[in-house]
Amino acid sequence: MAAHTQKNNKPGKPGGKEAQPLIIAKTPAEEQRLKLERLMRNPDKPAPIPDRPKEWNPRAPPEFVRDVMGSSAGAGSGEFHVYRHLRRREYQRQDFLDKIADKLDEDDHYLEKVEQNKKAADERTAKRRKKREKLKQKKEMAKKAKLESKNKKEDGDGDDTEKSTDSSEEDKGEREADDDAEAPSFIMGRK
């Protein structure tokens, strides 16, 4: 009777989703696998990402208290339960305020610690930089002294200009190699 074939079991709707067999997950890993398979069937569809749950806030204390409890005798049996609820709510509010204060203190302490660590790291870096510069100057002075001694020696020998150019090229190569090789910035096993 129907002119076209239907993919789903719903009458009157052409095409659409195929009927999926019901699979019940027996383990959490299997449940996760089924969820991933369902997401990956249509990768173009955006995945649902739930919003972060809102942080619990206690109800603010009332500005005007209508049912003020007195200390007179004759309070009914229901008054104690009202008092108990009010007391519990107030204790929750105070605990919440204490936790917020503790969290703010911890945040301040953390930021202070980060600042101290950064300052200490900058000081160590400056100290090591100074040490590297000192070593570099020392090597430069030694090379200059060596070069001067060679120049004096060559001036005394005569015409060895080819050797002097070769030695100056070698000195340049050594200088570049020394620049690349720095002193280690840390030593294992030492604090």
Protein backbone atom coordinates (compact mmCIF):
# COMPACT_ATOMS: atom_id res chain seq x y z
CA MET A 1 0.00 0.00 0.00
CA ALA A 2 2.78 2.46 0.80
CA ALA A 3 4.47 3.98 -2.22
CA HIS A 4 7.84 4.47 -0.53
CA THR A 5 9.78 2.50 2.03
CA GLN A 6 10.18 3.91 5.48
CA LYS A 7 13.34 3.66 7.53
CA ASN A 8 11.71 4.27 10.88
CA ASN A 9 8.72 2.67 12.50
CA LYS A 10 6.69 5.87 12.75
CA PRO A 11 3.85 5.99 10.25
CA GLY A 12 3.49 9.06 8.08
CA LYS A 13 7.10 10.28 8.35
CA PRO A 14 9.36 9.45 5.42
CA GLY A 15 13.03 8.65 6.06
CA GLY A 16 14.79 9.77 9.22
CA LYS A 17 16.60 7.84 11.92
CA GLU A 18 16.86 4.10 11.86
CA ALA A 19 15.54 2.23 14.86
CA GLN A 20 18.42 1.55 17.23
CA PRO A 21 18.43 -1.58 19.37
CA LEU A 22 18.23 -0.85 23.10
CA ILE A 23 21.60 -1.60 24.72
CA ILE A 24 21.86 -1.51 28.49
CA ALA A 25 25.34 -0.78 29.80
CA LYS A 26 26.54 -3.19 32.47
CA THR A 27 29.72 -1.33 33.46
CA PRO A 28 30.65 2.34 33.66
CA ALA A 29 33.26 1.82 30.92
CA GLU A 30 30.60 0.38 28.61
CA GLU A 31 28.28 3.29 29.42
CA GLN A 32 31.06 5.74 28.52
CA ARG A 33 31.72 3.84 25.27
CA LEU A 34 28.03 4.03 24.32
CA LYS A 35 27.95 7.77 24.99
CA LEU A 36 31.04 8.28 22.83
CA GLU A 37 29.56 6.22 20.02
CA ARG A 38 26.36 8.27 20.15
CA LEU A 39 28.39 11.51 19.99
CA MET A 40 30.54 10.26 17.12
CA ARG A 41 27.57 9.16 14.97
CA ASN A 42 27.08 12.82 14.03
CA PRO A 43 30.37 14.72 14.56
CA ASP A 44 28.91 17.96 13.16
CA LYS A 45 26.36 18.19 15.96
CA PRO A 46 27.69 20.16 18.97
CA ALA A 47 28.26 18.13 22.12
CA PRO A 48 26.23 19.16 25.16
CA ILE A 49 28.52 20.72 27.77
CA PRO A 50 26.76 21.39 31.06
CA ASP A 51 27.26 24.70 32.84
CA ARG A 52 29.13 24.85 36.10
CA PRO A 53 26.85 24.39 39.06
CA LYS A 54 26.24 27.59 40.96
CA GLU A 55 27.93 27.93 44.32
CA TRP A 56 25.58 27.49 47.25
CA ASN A 57 24.74 30.70 49.07
CA PRO A 58 22.85 30.82 52.35
CA ARG A 59 19.66 32.75 52.58
CA ALA A 60 20.30 36.27 53.83
CA PRO A 61 19.20 36.99 57.38
CA PRO A 62 15.84 38.77 57.52
CA GLU A 63 15.90 42.52 57.91
CA PHE A 64 12.84 42.53 60.15
CA VAL A 65 12.02 39.56 62.38
CA ARG A 66 8.28 39.33 63.04
CA ASP A 67 8.16 36.28 65.31
CA VAL A 68 10.49 37.32 68.08
CA MET A 69 10.78 34.63 70.69
CA GLY A 70 10.63 35.82 74.23
CA SER A 71 11.93 34.13 77.33
CA SER A 72 8.54 33.98 79.00
CA ALA A 73 7.06 30.70 80.04
CA GLY A 74 4.22 29.13 78.15
CA ALA A 75 5.83 28.70 74.76
CA GLY A 76 4.07 26.10 72.68
CA SER A 77 5.57 22.80 71.64
CA GLY A 78 6.06 24.01 68.05
CA GLU A 79 8.21 26.98 69.01
CA PHE A 80 11.23 24.81 69.73
CA HIS A 81 11.26 23.48 66.14
CA VAL A 82 11.04 27.02 64.75
CA TYR A 83 13.96 28.04 66.98
CA ARG A 84 15.95 24.96 65.93
CA HIS A 85 15.52 25.75 62.21
CA LEU A 86 16.49 29.38 62.70
CA ARG A 87 19.56 28.35 64.68
CA ARG A 88 20.61 25.80 62.06
CA ARG A 89 20.22 28.34 59.26
CA GLU A 90 22.27 30.92 61.17
CA TYR A 91 25.04 28.38 61.86
CA GLN A 92 25.13 27.48 58.16
CA ARG A 93 25.41 31.15 57.25
CA GLN A 94 28.26 31.68 59.71
CA ASP A 95 30.09 28.57 58.46
CA PHE A 96 29.71 29.81 54.89
CA LEU A 97 31.14 33.23 55.79
CA ASP A 98 34.04 31.57 57.63
CA LYS A 99 34.81 29.38 54.61
CA ILE A 100 34.78 32.41 52.29
CA ALA A 101 37.15 34.28 54.64
CA ASP A 102 39.48 31.24 54.77
CA LYS A 103 39.44 30.94 50.98
CA LEU A 104 40.30 34.63 50.58
CA ASP A 105 43.16 34.26 53.08
CA GLU A 106 44.47 31.20 51.21
CA ASP A 107 44.27 33.08 47.89
CA ASP A 108 46.21 36.02 49.35
CA HIS A 109 48.78 33.65 50.83
CA TYR A 110 49.14 31.86 47.47
CA LEU A 111 49.62 35.12 45.55
CA GLU A 112 52.20 36.26 48.11
CA LYS A 113 54.04 32.94 47.78
CA VAL A 114 54.02 33.19 43.97
CA GLU A 115 55.45 36.71 44.20
CA GLN A 116 58.19 35.53 46.58
CA ASN A 117 59.07 32.62 44.27
CA LYS A 118 59.22 34.94 41.28
CA LYS A 119 61.47 37.38 43.14
CA ALA A 120 63.78 34.55 44.27
CA ALA A 121 63.95 33.16 40.72
CA ASP A 122 64.81 36.63 39.36
CA GLU A 123 67.56 37.00 41.95
CA ARG A 124 69.03 33.59 41.05
CA THR A 125 68.86 34.45 37.35
CA ALA A 126 70.62 37.78 37.92
CA LYS A 127 73.32 36.09 39.99
CA ARG A 128 73.92 33.44 37.32
CA ARG A 129 73.90 36.06 34.55
CA LYS A 130 76.55 38.02 36.46
CA LYS A 131 78.62 34.86 36.83
CA ARG A 132 78.33 34.07 33.11
CA GLU A 133 79.38 37.60 32.18
CA LYS A 134 82.35 37.34 34.52
CA LEU A 135 83.44 34.05 32.93
CA LYS A 136 82.99 35.51 29.46
CA GLN A 137 85.13 38.56 30.32
CA LYS A 138 87.77 36.31 31.83
CA LYS A 139 87.93 34.21 28.64
CA GLU A 140 88.06 37.33 26.48
CA MET A 141 90.95 38.71 28.55
CA ALA A 142 92.82 35.39 28.30
CA LYS A 143 92.33 35.31 24.52
CA LYS A 144 93.47 38.91 24.16
CA ALA A 145 96.57 38.15 26.21
CA LYS A 146 97.23 35.05 24.11
CA LEU A 147 96.72 37.00 20.89
CA GLU A 148 99.03 39.78 22.06
CA SER A 149 101.71 37.28 23.01
CA LYS A 150 101.41 35.68 19.55
CA ASN A 151 101.58 39.09 17.89
CA LYS A 152 104.72 39.97 19.84
CA LYS A 153 106.20 36.61 18.96
CA GLU A 154 105.34 37.05 15.27
CA ASP A 155 106.72 40.57 15.22
CA GLY A 156 109.97 39.16 16.47
CA ASP A 157 110.00 36.27 13.93
CA GLY A 158 109.28 38.26 10.77
CA ASP A 159 106.96 37.41 7.84
CA ASP A 160 104.44 34.85 9.08
CA THR A 161 101.36 36.75 7.95
CA GLU A 162 99.63 33.63 6.64
CA LYS A 163 99.92 31.97 10.03
CA SER A 164 98.54 35.03 11.78
CA THR A 165 95.44 35.11 9.55
CA ASP A 166 94.91 31.37 10.05
CA SER A 167 95.32 31.71 13.81
CA SER A 168 92.93 34.70 13.93
CA GLU A 169 90.31 32.64 12.04
CA GLU A 170 90.83 29.78 14.49
CA ASP A 171 90.47 32.21 17.40
CA LYS A 172 87.18 33.46 15.95
CA GLY A 173 85.94 29.87 15.64
CA GLU A 174 86.97 29.12 19.22
CA ARG A 175 85.27 32.31 20.42
CA GLU A 176 82.02 31.29 18.76
CA ALA A 177 82.27 27.77 20.23
CA ASP A 178 82.88 29.25 23.69
CA ASP A 179 79.86 31.53 23.33
CA ASP A 180 77.66 28.52 22.55
CA ALA A 181 78.93 26.51 25.50
CA GLU A 182 77.66 28.06 28.72
CA ALA A 183 78.31 27.03 32.27
CA PRO A 184 75.52 24.73 33.57
CA SER A 185 72.68 26.73 35.08
CA PHE A 186 71.92 24.10 37.71
CA ILE A 187 73.65 21.23 39.45
CA MET A 188 71.79 18.00 40.19
CA GLY A 189 71.60 16.91 43.81
CA ARG A 190 72.29 20.32 45.33
CA LYS A 191 69.72 22.59 46.93
